Amino acid sequence: MSGRIGKWRVLAAVFAAGLLADQATKFLAVDRLTWAFPRAGARTLGEKLRAFYTLTHLEGQAREPFYVFRSWWRMAYVENPNAAFSLGGFLPPGPRQAVFLLFAAVAVGAILWFYRRLGEGQRYQQVTLALVLTGAVGNVVDRLLRRYVIDFVEWYWWNRPDLRWPTFNVADSMLSVGIVLLLLYPEGRRKPAPKG
């Protein structure tokens, strides 16, 4: 038996770590960027976790944004009922939710189908597809629980919050990085041919 980690263990590890990071950072966004937990009387970790998974529509309880670097990066609590770049905003809430969940189910099925076809040595594609899968599922968890996605990272042009990248979260980051890596190297990173 070889010492290599099997592709399904790679998927499980990336998925578990990524989903935990996504949900933990969204929990911290609610904890640090809203007044929701104090107003709900949630003091212990257990009470806060219960509140995190049951409270909804907290934008009215948002605190002032936290500036990481005042000129271009701040953290602010945002609830996004749409997809990236406000896609789907033209649909009414019920059909929009159904379309997003259907699209996510098809995407997850396609990712798993492609993943199953990968060879054990195709580690680059394994990790990138695992990132895409984890990002998609991270936002699906939000949509199933709340009917919107919690976003909190805002990047904007030098002291111009009106000129900004759409607010995003860790799941969005994993999804985007995975897609970009797949587009840049669809066949994976090739090792240079040996010299001589």
N, C-alpha and C. Protein backbone atom coordinates (compact mmCIF):
# COMPACT_ATOMS: atom_id res chain seq x y z
N MET A 1 0.84 -1.18 0.00
CA MET A 1 0.00 0.00 0.00
C MET A 1 0.88 1.23 0.00
N SER A 2 0.59 2.18 -0.88
CA SER A 2 1.40 3.39 -1.01
C SER A 2 1.09 4.36 0.11
N GLY A 3 2.07 5.25 0.38
CA GLY A 3 1.89 6.25 1.43
C GLY A 3 1.13 7.48 0.96
N ARG A 4 0.73 7.51 -0.31
CA ARG A 4 -0.01 8.67 -0.83
C ARG A 4 -1.41 8.74 -0.24
N ILE A 5 -1.87 9.95 -0.07
CA ILE A 5 -3.23 10.16 0.42
C ILE A 5 -4.17 10.01 -0.77
N GLY A 6 -5.20 9.21 -0.64
CA GLY A 6 -6.16 8.98 -1.71
C GLY A 6 -6.95 10.23 -2.05
N LYS A 7 -7.48 10.28 -3.25
CA LYS A 7 -8.17 11.48 -3.72
C LYS A 7 -9.42 11.78 -2.90
N TRP A 8 -10.12 10.76 -2.40
CA TRP A 8 -11.32 11.01 -1.62
C TRP A 8 -10.98 11.58 -0.25
N ARG A 9 -9.82 11.21 0.28
CA ARG A 9 -9.37 11.83 1.54
C ARG A 9 -8.97 13.28 1.32
N VAL A 10 -8.38 13.56 0.17
CA VAL A 10 -8.06 14.96 -0.17
C VAL A 10 -9.34 15.77 -0.21
N LEU A 11 -10.34 15.25 -0.90
CA LEU A 11 -11.63 15.95 -1.00
C LEU A 11 -12.23 16.16 0.39
N ALA A 12 -12.23 15.11 1.21
CA ALA A 12 -12.81 15.21 2.55
C ALA A 12 -12.06 16.23 3.40
N ALA A 13 -10.74 16.24 3.32
CA ALA A 13 -9.94 17.18 4.13
C ALA A 13 -10.17 18.62 3.70
N VAL A 14 -10.10 18.88 2.39
CA VAL A 14 -10.32 20.26 1.90
C VAL A 14 -11.74 20.70 2.22
N PHE A 15 -12.70 19.80 2.01
CA PHE A 15 -14.10 20.13 2.25
C PHE A 15 -14.35 20.45 3.72
N ALA A 16 -13.87 19.59 4.62
CA ALA A 16 -14.10 19.80 6.06
C ALA A 16 -13.43 21.07 6.54
N ALA A 17 -12.16 21.27 6.16
CA ALA A 17 -11.44 22.47 6.61
C ALA A 17 -12.06 23.73 6.02
N GLY A 18 -12.42 23.67 4.74
CA GLY A 18 -12.99 24.85 4.09
C GLY A 18 -14.36 25.20 4.63
N LEU A 19 -15.22 24.21 4.83
CA LEU A 19 -16.56 24.48 5.35
C LEU A 19 -16.49 25.01 6.78
N LEU A 20 -15.58 24.45 7.57
CA LEU A 20 -15.39 24.95 8.94
C LEU A 20 -14.91 26.40 8.92
N ALA A 21 -13.93 26.71 8.05
CA ALA A 21 -13.44 28.09 7.96
C ALA A 21 -14.54 29.05 7.51
N ASP A 22 -15.34 28.61 6.54
CA ASP A 22 -16.42 29.47 6.05
C ASP A 22 -17.44 29.75 7.14
N GLN A 23 -17.93 28.70 7.80
CA GLN A 23 -18.95 28.91 8.82
C GLN A 23 -18.39 29.64 10.04
N ALA A 24 -17.14 29.37 10.40
CA ALA A 24 -16.52 30.06 11.55
C ALA A 24 -16.37 31.55 11.27
N THR A 25 -15.97 31.92 10.06
CA THR A 25 -15.81 33.35 9.76
C THR A 25 -17.16 34.05 9.66
N LYS A 26 -18.18 33.36 9.18
CA LYS A 26 -19.53 33.95 9.17
C LYS A 26 -20.05 34.12 10.60
N PHE A 27 -19.76 33.14 11.46
CA PHE A 27 -20.11 33.25 12.88
C PHE A 27 -19.42 34.48 13.48
N LEU A 28 -18.12 34.64 13.20
CA LEU A 28 -17.39 35.81 13.72
C LEU A 28 -17.95 37.11 13.16
N ALA A 29 -18.40 37.09 11.90
CA ALA A 29 -19.01 38.30 11.32
C ALA A 29 -20.26 38.68 12.10
N VAL A 30 -21.10 37.71 12.43
CA VAL A 30 -22.29 38.01 13.22
C VAL A 30 -21.90 38.46 14.62
N ASP A 31 -20.92 37.81 15.23
CA ASP A 31 -20.48 38.13 16.58
C ASP A 31 -19.86 39.51 16.68
N ARG A 32 -18.98 39.84 15.73
CA ARG A 32 -18.20 41.08 15.83
C ARG A 32 -18.80 42.26 15.06
N LEU A 33 -19.63 41.97 14.08
CA LEU A 33 -20.11 43.05 13.21
C LEU A 33 -21.60 43.35 13.38
N THR A 34 -22.26 42.63 14.30
CA THR A 34 -23.67 42.94 14.61
C THR A 34 -23.85 42.93 16.13
N TRP A 35 -25.02 43.41 16.55
CA TRP A 35 -25.42 43.38 17.95
C TRP A 35 -26.34 42.18 18.22
N ALA A 36 -26.44 41.24 17.30
CA ALA A 36 -27.42 40.16 17.38
C ALA A 36 -27.27 39.31 18.63
N PHE A 37 -26.06 38.89 18.96
CA PHE A 37 -25.90 38.00 20.11
C PHE A 37 -26.23 38.70 21.43
N PRO A 38 -25.70 39.91 21.67
CA PRO A 38 -26.08 40.58 22.93
C PRO A 38 -27.58 40.83 23.02
N ARG A 39 -28.22 41.22 21.93
CA ARG A 39 -29.66 41.50 21.96
C ARG A 39 -30.48 40.24 22.15
N ALA A 40 -29.95 39.10 21.72
CA ALA A 40 -30.65 37.82 21.91
C ALA A 40 -30.31 37.21 23.26
N GLY A 41 -29.43 37.85 24.03
CA GLY A 41 -29.02 37.31 25.33
C GLY A 41 -28.10 36.12 25.23
N ALA A 42 -27.44 35.95 24.08
CA ALA A 42 -26.53 34.82 23.86
C ALA A 42 -25.15 35.19 24.39
N ARG A 43 -24.75 34.50 25.49
CA ARG A 43 -23.46 34.82 26.11
C ARG A 43 -22.45 33.69 25.96
N THR A 44 -22.88 32.46 26.15
CA THR A 44 -21.95 31.33 26.04
C THR A 44 -21.79 30.94 24.57
N LEU A 45 -20.77 30.14 24.30
CA LEU A 45 -20.55 29.69 22.92
C LEU A 45 -21.74 28.90 22.41
N GLY A 46 -22.30 28.04 23.24
CA GLY A 46 -23.46 27.25 22.83
C GLY A 46 -24.66 28.13 22.47
N GLU A 47 -24.91 29.14 23.31
CA GLU A 47 -26.02 30.08 23.04
C GLU A 47 -25.77 30.86 21.76
N LYS A 48 -24.52 31.25 21.56
CA LYS A 48 -24.19 32.01 20.34
C LYS A 48 -24.33 31.13 19.10
N LEU A 49 -23.89 29.87 19.19
CA LEU A 49 -24.04 28.97 18.05
C LEU A 49 -25.52 28.74 17.73
N ARG A 50 -26.33 28.54 18.74
CA ARG A 50 -27.77 28.36 18.53
C ARG A 50 -28.35 29.61 17.85
N ALA A 51 -27.97 30.76 18.36
CA ALA A 51 -28.47 32.01 17.77
C ALA A 51 -27.98 32.19 16.34
N PHE A 52 -26.72 31.82 16.09
CA PHE A 52 -26.16 31.95 14.75
C PHE A 52 -26.96 31.17 13.73
N TYR A 53 -27.40 29.98 14.10
CA TYR A 53 -28.13 29.14 13.15
C TYR A 53 -29.64 29.34 13.18
N THR A 54 -30.15 30.22 14.06
CA THR A 54 -31.60 30.44 14.08
C THR A 54 -31.99 31.89 13.79
N LEU A 55 -31.17 32.85 14.17
CA LEU A 55 -31.52 34.26 13.91
C LEU A 55 -31.33 34.59 12.43
N THR A 56 -32.21 35.43 11.90
CA THR A 56 -32.09 35.85 10.51
C THR A 56 -32.35 37.35 10.40
N HIS A 57 -31.99 37.89 9.26
CA HIS A 57 -32.22 39.30 8.92
C HIS A 57 -31.66 40.23 10.00
N LEU A 58 -30.33 40.25 10.07
CA LEU A 58 -29.63 40.99 11.13
C LEU A 58 -29.03 42.30 10.65
N GLU A 59 -29.27 42.67 9.40
CA GLU A 59 -28.64 43.91 8.90
C GLU A 59 -29.05 45.13 9.72
N GLY A 60 -30.26 45.12 10.26
CA GLY A 60 -30.70 46.23 11.11
C GLY A 60 -29.95 46.30 12.42
N GLN A 61 -29.23 45.24 12.77
CA GLN A 61 -28.45 45.20 14.00
C GLN A 61 -26.95 45.30 13.73
N ALA A 62 -26.60 45.70 12.52
CA ALA A 62 -25.18 45.78 12.15
C ALA A 62 -24.47 46.90 12.91
N ARG A 63 -23.24 46.62 13.29
CA ARG A 63 -22.38 47.64 13.91
C ARG A 63 -21.70 48.44 12.81
N GLU A 64 -20.96 49.44 13.21
CA GLU A 64 -20.14 50.19 12.26
C GLU A 64 -19.10 49.25 11.67
N PRO A 65 -18.73 49.42 10.39
CA PRO A 65 -17.71 48.54 9.80
C PRO A 65 -16.40 48.62 10.57
N PHE A 66 -15.67 47.51 10.54
CA PHE A 66 -14.34 47.44 11.13
C PHE A 66 -13.33 47.63 10.00
N TYR A 67 -12.45 48.61 10.13
CA TYR A 67 -11.48 48.90 9.08
C TYR A 67 -10.19 48.12 9.33
N VAL A 68 -9.87 47.25 8.40
CA VAL A 68 -8.61 46.52 8.44
C VAL A 68 -7.50 47.43 7.95
N PHE A 69 -7.74 48.07 6.82
CA PHE A 69 -6.85 49.08 6.25
C PHE A 69 -7.77 50.15 5.68
N ARG A 70 -7.89 51.26 6.36
CA ARG A 70 -8.94 52.24 6.09
C ARG A 70 -9.03 52.65 4.63
N SER A 71 -7.94 52.69 3.92
CA SER A 71 -7.96 53.17 2.54
C SER A 71 -8.60 52.21 1.55
N TRP A 72 -8.63 50.87 1.88
CA TRP A 72 -9.17 49.97 0.87
C TRP A 72 -9.78 48.67 1.38
N TRP A 73 -9.82 48.43 2.69
CA TRP A 73 -10.35 47.15 3.16
C TRP A 73 -11.05 47.32 4.50
N ARG A 74 -12.33 46.92 4.51
CA ARG A 74 -13.07 46.93 5.76
C ARG A 74 -13.96 45.69 5.85
N MET A 75 -14.37 45.38 7.06
CA MET A 75 -15.29 44.27 7.32
C MET A 75 -16.64 44.87 7.69
N ALA A 76 -17.69 44.46 7.00
CA ALA A 76 -19.04 44.96 7.27
C ALA A 76 -20.03 43.83 7.05
N TYR A 77 -20.99 43.71 7.94
CA TYR A 77 -22.00 42.66 7.84
C TYR A 77 -22.99 43.00 6.73
N VAL A 78 -23.16 42.05 5.78
CA VAL A 78 -24.07 42.24 4.65
C VAL A 78 -24.81 40.92 4.41
N GLU A 79 -26.09 41.02 4.10
CA GLU A 79 -26.88 39.85 3.72
C GLU A 79 -27.17 39.91 2.23
N ASN A 80 -26.72 38.90 1.51
CA ASN A 80 -26.84 38.91 0.05
C ASN A 80 -27.82 37.82 -0.40
N PRO A 81 -29.03 38.22 -0.83
CA PRO A 81 -29.99 37.22 -1.30
C PRO A 81 -29.72 36.79 -2.75
N ASN A 82 -28.79 37.47 -3.42
CA ASN A 82 -28.49 37.18 -4.82
C ASN A 82 -27.22 36.35 -4.95
N ALA A 83 -26.85 36.05 -6.19
CA ALA A 83 -25.59 35.38 -6.45
C ALA A 83 -24.50 36.45 -6.62
N ALA A 84 -23.32 36.03 -7.00
CA ALA A 84 -22.21 36.96 -7.21
C ALA A 84 -22.61 38.07 -8.17
N PHE A 85 -22.13 39.27 -7.91
CA PHE A 85 -22.38 40.44 -8.75
C PHE A 85 -23.87 40.71 -8.90
N SER A 86 -24.67 40.38 -7.87
CA SER A 86 -26.11 40.61 -7.82
C SER A 86 -26.89 39.84 -8.87
N LEU A 87 -26.30 38.77 -9.40
CA LEU A 87 -27.03 37.94 -10.37
C LEU A 87 -28.26 37.34 -9.71
N GLY A 88 -29.35 37.35 -10.41
CA GLY A 88 -30.60 36.80 -9.90
C GLY A 88 -31.45 37.81 -9.18
N GLY A 89 -30.98 39.04 -9.06
CA GLY A 89 -31.74 40.06 -8.35
C GLY A 89 -33.07 40.39 -9.01
N PHE A 90 -33.22 40.07 -10.27
CA PHE A 90 -34.46 40.36 -10.99
C PHE A 90 -35.56 39.35 -10.67
N LEU A 91 -35.21 38.22 -10.03
CA LEU A 91 -36.20 37.19 -9.72
C LEU A 91 -36.86 37.46 -8.36
N PRO A 92 -38.13 37.13 -8.22
CA PRO A 92 -38.76 37.22 -6.89
C PRO A 92 -38.08 36.25 -5.92
N PRO A 93 -38.16 36.51 -4.61
CA PRO A 93 -37.42 35.70 -3.63
C PRO A 93 -37.66 34.19 -3.71
N GLY A 94 -38.90 33.73 -3.82
CA GLY A 94 -39.17 32.28 -3.85
C GLY A 94 -38.53 31.59 -5.04
N PRO A 95 -38.84 32.04 -6.27
CA PRO A 95 -38.19 31.42 -7.44
C PRO A 95 -36.67 31.58 -7.43
N ARG A 96 -36.18 32.71 -6.94
CA ARG A 96 -34.73 32.92 -6.90
C ARG A 96 -34.07 31.86 -6.03
N GLN A 97 -34.64 31.60 -4.86
CA GLN A 97 -34.11 30.57 -3.95
C GLN A 97 -34.12 29.21 -4.64
N ALA A 98 -35.21 28.88 -5.30
CA ALA A 98 -35.32 27.59 -5.98
C ALA A 98 -34.29 27.47 -7.10
N VAL A 99 -34.13 28.53 -7.89
CA VAL A 99 -33.16 28.52 -8.99
C VAL A 99 -31.74 28.36 -8.45
N PHE A 100 -31.39 29.10 -7.41
CA PHE A 100 -30.04 29.01 -6.84
C PHE A 100 -29.78 27.61 -6.28
N LEU A 101 -30.76 27.02 -5.58
CA LEU A 101 -30.55 25.69 -5.01
C LEU A 101 -30.47 24.63 -6.11
N LEU A 102 -31.28 24.78 -7.16
CA LEU A 102 -31.21 23.84 -8.28
C LEU A 102 -29.86 23.94 -8.98
N PHE A 103 -29.42 25.18 -9.24
CA PHE A 103 -28.12 25.40 -9.88
C PHE A 103 -27.00 24.81 -9.02
N ALA A 104 -27.08 25.03 -7.70
CA ALA A 104 -26.04 24.50 -6.79
C ALA A 104 -26.04 22.97 -6.80
N ALA A 105 -27.22 22.35 -6.83
CA ALA A 105 -27.30 20.88 -6.85
C ALA A 105 -26.68 20.33 -8.13
N VAL A 106 -26.98 20.97 -9.26
CA VAL A 106 -26.40 20.53 -10.54
C VAL A 106 -24.88 20.72 -10.51
N ALA A 107 -24.42 21.86 -9.98
CA ALA A 107 -22.98 22.12 -9.91
C ALA A 107 -22.28 21.10 -9.02
N VAL A 108 -22.86 20.80 -7.87
CA VAL A 108 -22.25 19.82 -6.96
C VAL A 108 -22.20 18.45 -7.63
N GLY A 109 -23.28 18.07 -8.31
CA GLY A 109 -23.29 16.80 -9.02
C GLY A 109 -22.22 16.74 -10.11
N ALA A 110 -22.09 17.81 -10.87
CA ALA A 110 -21.08 17.85 -11.94
C ALA A 110 -19.67 17.80 -11.37
N ILE A 111 -19.44 18.54 -10.29
CA ILE A 111 -18.10 18.53 -9.67
C ILE A 111 -17.75 17.12 -9.19
N LEU A 112 -18.68 16.47 -8.52
CA LEU A 112 -18.42 15.11 -8.03
C LEU A 112 -18.23 14.13 -9.18
N TRP A 113 -18.96 14.31 -10.27
CA TRP A 113 -18.79 13.44 -11.44
C TRP A 113 -17.39 13.59 -12.03
N PHE A 114 -16.96 14.87 -12.21
CA PHE A 114 -15.60 15.10 -12.72
C PHE A 114 -14.55 14.59 -11.72
N TYR A 115 -14.80 14.82 -10.45
CA TYR A 115 -13.84 14.41 -9.43
C TYR A 115 -13.64 12.89 -9.46
N ARG A 116 -14.73 12.16 -9.60
CA ARG A 116 -14.67 10.70 -9.62
C ARG A 116 -13.80 10.21 -10.78
N ARG A 117 -13.77 10.95 -11.87
CA ARG A 117 -13.01 10.54 -13.05
C ARG A 117 -11.52 10.88 -12.95
N LEU A 118 -11.14 11.68 -11.95
CA LEU A 118 -9.73 12.06 -11.80
C LEU A 118 -8.90 10.86 -11.35
N GLY A 119 -7.65 10.84 -11.82
CA GLY A 119 -6.72 9.82 -11.37
C GLY A 119 -6.15 10.19 -10.01
N GLU A 120 -5.62 9.20 -9.31
CA GLU A 120 -5.05 9.45 -7.99
C GLU A 120 -3.89 10.44 -8.04
N GLY A 121 -3.18 10.51 -9.16
CA GLY A 121 -2.03 11.41 -9.26
C GLY A 121 -2.37 12.83 -9.68
N GLN A 122 -3.63 13.11 -9.97
CA GLN A 122 -4.02 14.45 -10.42
C GLN A 122 -4.36 15.34 -9.23
N ARG A 123 -3.37 15.57 -8.40
CA ARG A 123 -3.58 16.29 -7.14
C ARG A 123 -4.03 17.74 -7.37
N TYR A 124 -3.47 18.40 -8.37
CA TYR A 124 -3.84 19.79 -8.64
C TYR A 124 -5.34 19.91 -8.91
N GLN A 125 -5.87 19.08 -9.80
CA GLN A 125 -7.29 19.11 -10.11
C GLN A 125 -8.13 18.69 -8.91
N GLN A 126 -7.62 17.75 -8.12
CA GLN A 126 -8.36 17.32 -6.93
C GLN A 126 -8.57 18.50 -5.97
N VAL A 127 -7.49 19.23 -5.71
CA VAL A 127 -7.59 20.35 -4.77
C VAL A 127 -8.46 21.47 -5.34
N THR A 128 -8.28 21.79 -6.62
CA THR A 128 -9.07 22.89 -7.19
C THR A 128 -10.56 22.54 -7.24
N LEU A 129 -10.89 21.32 -7.63
CA LEU A 129 -12.31 20.93 -7.63
C LEU A 129 -12.86 20.88 -6.21
N ALA A 130 -12.05 20.47 -5.25
CA ALA A 130 -12.49 20.46 -3.85
C ALA A 130 -12.77 21.87 -3.36
N LEU A 131 -11.95 22.84 -3.77
CA LEU A 131 -12.20 24.24 -3.41
C LEU A 131 -13.52 24.73 -3.99
N VAL A 132 -13.76 24.42 -5.26
CA VAL A 132 -15.00 24.85 -5.91
C VAL A 132 -16.20 24.23 -5.20
N LEU A 133 -16.13 22.94 -4.93
CA LEU A 133 -17.22 22.24 -4.24
C LEU A 133 -17.48 22.85 -2.87
N THR A 134 -16.43 23.07 -2.10
CA THR A 134 -16.57 23.61 -0.76
C THR A 134 -17.16 25.00 -0.77
N GLY A 135 -16.71 25.85 -1.70
CA GLY A 135 -17.26 27.19 -1.81
C GLY A 135 -18.74 27.17 -2.14
N ALA A 136 -19.12 26.31 -3.07
CA ALA A 136 -20.54 26.21 -3.45
C ALA A 136 -21.39 25.74 -2.27
N VAL A 137 -20.93 24.70 -1.57
CA VAL A 137 -21.70 24.16 -0.46
C VAL A 137 -21.75 25.15 0.71
N GLY A 138 -20.67 25.87 0.96
CA GLY A 138 -20.67 26.86 2.04
C GLY A 138 -21.77 27.88 1.89
N ASN A 139 -21.99 28.35 0.68
CA ASN A 139 -23.06 29.32 0.46
C ASN A 139 -24.43 28.65 0.41
N VAL A 140 -24.50 27.39 0.00
CA VAL A 140 -25.78 26.67 0.03
C VAL A 140 -26.26 26.51 1.47
N VAL A 141 -25.34 26.25 2.40
CA VAL A 141 -25.72 26.14 3.81
C VAL A 141 -26.44 27.40 4.25
N ASP A 142 -25.88 28.57 3.90
CA ASP A 142 -26.53 29.84 4.24
C ASP A 142 -27.90 29.95 3.60
N ARG A 143 -27.99 29.62 2.33
CA ARG A 143 -29.28 29.75 1.63
C ARG A 143 -30.34 28.84 2.23
N LEU A 144 -29.96 27.64 2.63
CA LEU A 144 -30.92 26.73 3.24
C LEU A 144 -31.38 27.21 4.61
N LEU A 145 -30.45 27.78 5.39
CA LEU A 145 -30.79 28.24 6.74
C LEU A 145 -31.47 29.60 6.76
N ARG A 146 -31.03 30.50 5.85
CA ARG A 146 -31.45 31.90 5.97
C ARG A 146 -32.11 32.49 4.73
N ARG A 147 -31.95 31.82 3.59
CA ARG A 147 -32.43 32.33 2.30
C ARG A 147 -31.57 33.49 1.78
N TYR A 148 -30.42 33.70 2.37
CA TYR A 148 -29.43 34.68 1.90
C TYR A 148 -28.05 34.21 2.36
N VAL A 149 -27.02 34.85 1.84
CA VAL A 149 -25.64 34.50 2.19
C VAL A 149 -25.05 35.63 3.03
N ILE A 150 -24.32 35.28 4.07
CA ILE A 150 -23.64 36.28 4.89
C ILE A 150 -22.32 36.63 4.21
N ASP A 151 -22.17 37.91 3.87
CA ASP A 151 -20.91 38.43 3.32
C ASP A 151 -20.36 39.45 4.30
N PHE A 152 -19.04 39.67 4.26
CA PHE A 152 -18.47 40.61 5.23
C PHE A 152 -17.16 41.26 4.79
N VAL A 153 -16.52 40.81 3.74
CA VAL A 153 -15.25 41.41 3.30
C VAL A 153 -15.54 42.43 2.21
N GLU A 154 -15.13 43.67 2.43
CA GLU A 154 -15.32 44.73 1.43
C GLU A 154 -13.96 45.31 1.04
N TRP A 155 -13.68 45.26 -0.25
CA TRP A 155 -12.49 45.90 -0.80
C TRP A 155 -12.95 47.02 -1.71
N TYR A 156 -12.32 48.16 -1.59
CA TYR A 156 -12.74 49.31 -2.39
C TYR A 156 -11.51 50.11 -2.80
N TRP A 157 -11.73 50.97 -3.81
CA TRP A 157 -10.64 51.79 -4.32
C TRP A 157 -10.27 52.83 -3.29
N TRP A 158 -9.05 53.17 -3.23
CA TRP A 158 -8.41 54.05 -2.27
C TRP A 158 -9.36 55.12 -1.70
N ASN A 159 -9.84 54.89 -0.50
CA ASN A 159 -10.75 55.80 0.21
C ASN A 159 -12.04 56.10 -0.54
N ARG A 160 -12.47 55.21 -1.43
CA ARG A 160 -13.71 55.40 -2.18
C ARG A 160 -14.60 54.17 -2.02
N PRO A 161 -15.31 54.03 -0.89
CA PRO A 161 -16.19 52.87 -0.72
C PRO A 161 -17.27 52.74 -1.79
N ASP A 162 -17.53 53.84 -2.53
CA ASP A 162 -18.52 53.75 -3.63
C ASP A 162 -17.92 53.03 -4.84
N LEU A 163 -16.59 52.96 -4.94
CA LEU A 163 -15.92 52.22 -6.01
C LEU A 163 -15.33 50.95 -5.38
N ARG A 164 -16.13 49.88 -5.41
CA ARG A 164 -15.71 48.71 -4.65
C ARG A 164 -16.00 47.42 -5.36
N TRP A 165 -15.30 46.39 -4.92
CA TRP A 165 -15.57 45.02 -5.34
C TRP A 165 -16.79 44.55 -4.54
N PRO A 166 -17.65 43.73 -5.11
CA PRO A 166 -18.81 43.25 -4.33
C PRO A 166 -18.37 42.56 -3.05
N THR A 167 -19.10 42.80 -1.98
CA THR A 167 -18.79 42.20 -0.68
C THR A 167 -18.82 40.67 -0.81
N PHE A 168 -17.87 39.99 -0.15
CA PHE A 168 -17.76 38.55 -0.31
C PHE A 168 -17.42 37.87 1.02
N ASN A 169 -17.28 36.54 0.98
CA ASN A 169 -16.98 35.75 2.16
C ASN A 169 -15.95 34.67 1.82
N VAL A 170 -15.64 33.81 2.76
CA VAL A 170 -14.62 32.77 2.54
C VAL A 170 -15.08 31.76 1.49
N ALA A 171 -16.37 31.38 1.50
CA ALA A 171 -16.87 30.44 0.49
C ALA A 171 -16.71 31.02 -0.91
N ASP A 172 -17.04 32.30 -1.06
CA ASP A 172 -16.86 32.95 -2.37
C ASP A 172 -15.39 32.90 -2.79
N SER A 173 -14.50 33.11 -1.83
CA SER A 173 -13.06 33.09 -2.13
C SER A 173 -12.61 31.72 -2.61
N MET A 174 -13.05 30.67 -1.92
CA MET A 174 -12.66 29.31 -2.32
C MET A 174 -13.20 28.99 -3.71
N LEU A 175 -14.45 29.34 -3.93
CA LEU A 175 -15.08 29.10 -5.23
C LEU A 175 -14.32 29.83 -6.34
N SER A 176 -14.02 31.11 -6.12
CA SER A 176 -13.34 31.92 -7.13
C SER A 176 -11.92 31.43 -7.39
N VAL A 177 -11.18 31.15 -6.32
CA VAL A 177 -9.80 30.68 -6.48
C VAL A 177 -9.79 29.34 -7.22
N GLY A 178 -10.68 28.44 -6.85
CA GLY A 178 -10.74 27.15 -7.53
C GLY A 178 -11.05 27.29 -9.01
N ILE A 179 -12.02 28.13 -9.35
CA ILE A 179 -12.38 28.32 -10.76
C ILE A 179 -11.23 28.95 -11.54
N VAL A 180 -10.60 29.97 -10.96
CA VAL A 180 -9.48 30.63 -11.65
C VAL A 180 -8.34 29.65 -11.87
N LEU A 181 -8.02 28.85 -10.86
CA LEU A 181 -6.93 27.87 -11.03
C LEU A 181 -7.27 26.84 -12.10
N LEU A 182 -8.52 26.42 -12.16
CA LEU A 182 -8.92 25.47 -13.20
C LEU A 182 -8.85 26.10 -14.59
N LEU A 183 -9.21 27.38 -14.69
CA LEU A 183 -9.14 28.06 -15.98
C LEU A 183 -7.70 28.30 -16.42
N LEU A 184 -6.83 28.62 -15.45
CA LEU A 184 -5.43 28.87 -15.78
C LEU A 184 -4.70 27.60 -16.18
N TYR A 185 -4.98 26.50 -15.48
CA TYR A 185 -4.28 25.24 -15.73
C TYR A 185 -5.30 24.10 -15.77
N PRO A 186 -6.11 24.00 -16.83
CA PRO A 186 -7.14 22.97 -16.87
C PRO A 186 -6.58 21.54 -16.80
N GLU A 187 -5.38 21.36 -17.26
CA GLU A 187 -4.77 20.02 -17.22
C GLU A 187 -3.87 19.85 -16.00
N GLY A 188 -3.81 20.85 -15.14
CA GLY A 188 -2.94 20.78 -13.97
C GLY A 188 -1.58 21.39 -14.27
N ARG A 189 -0.83 21.63 -13.22
CA ARG A 189 0.51 22.17 -13.37
C ARG A 189 1.42 21.08 -13.89
N ARG A 190 2.07 21.37 -15.01
CA ARG A 190 2.99 20.37 -15.59
C ARG A 190 4.38 20.55 -14.99
N LYS A 191 5.00 19.43 -14.70
CA LYS A 191 6.39 19.49 -14.20
C LYS A 191 7.30 19.72 -15.39
N PRO A 192 8.35 20.54 -15.22
CA PRO A 192 9.27 20.75 -16.34
C PRO A 192 9.96 19.44 -16.73
N ALA A 193 10.17 19.31 -18.04
CA ALA A 193 10.85 18.10 -18.53
C ALA A 193 12.27 18.07 -18.02
N PRO A 194 12.76 16.88 -17.65
CA PRO A 194 14.14 16.81 -17.16
C PRO A 194 15.12 17.23 -18.24
N LYS A 195 16.17 17.92 -17.82
CA LYS A 195 17.20 18.40 -18.77
C LYS A 195 18.14 17.26 -19.09
N GLY A 196 18.62 17.35 -20.33
CA GLY A 196 19.70 16.48 -20.69
C GLY A 196 19.29 15.29 -21.43
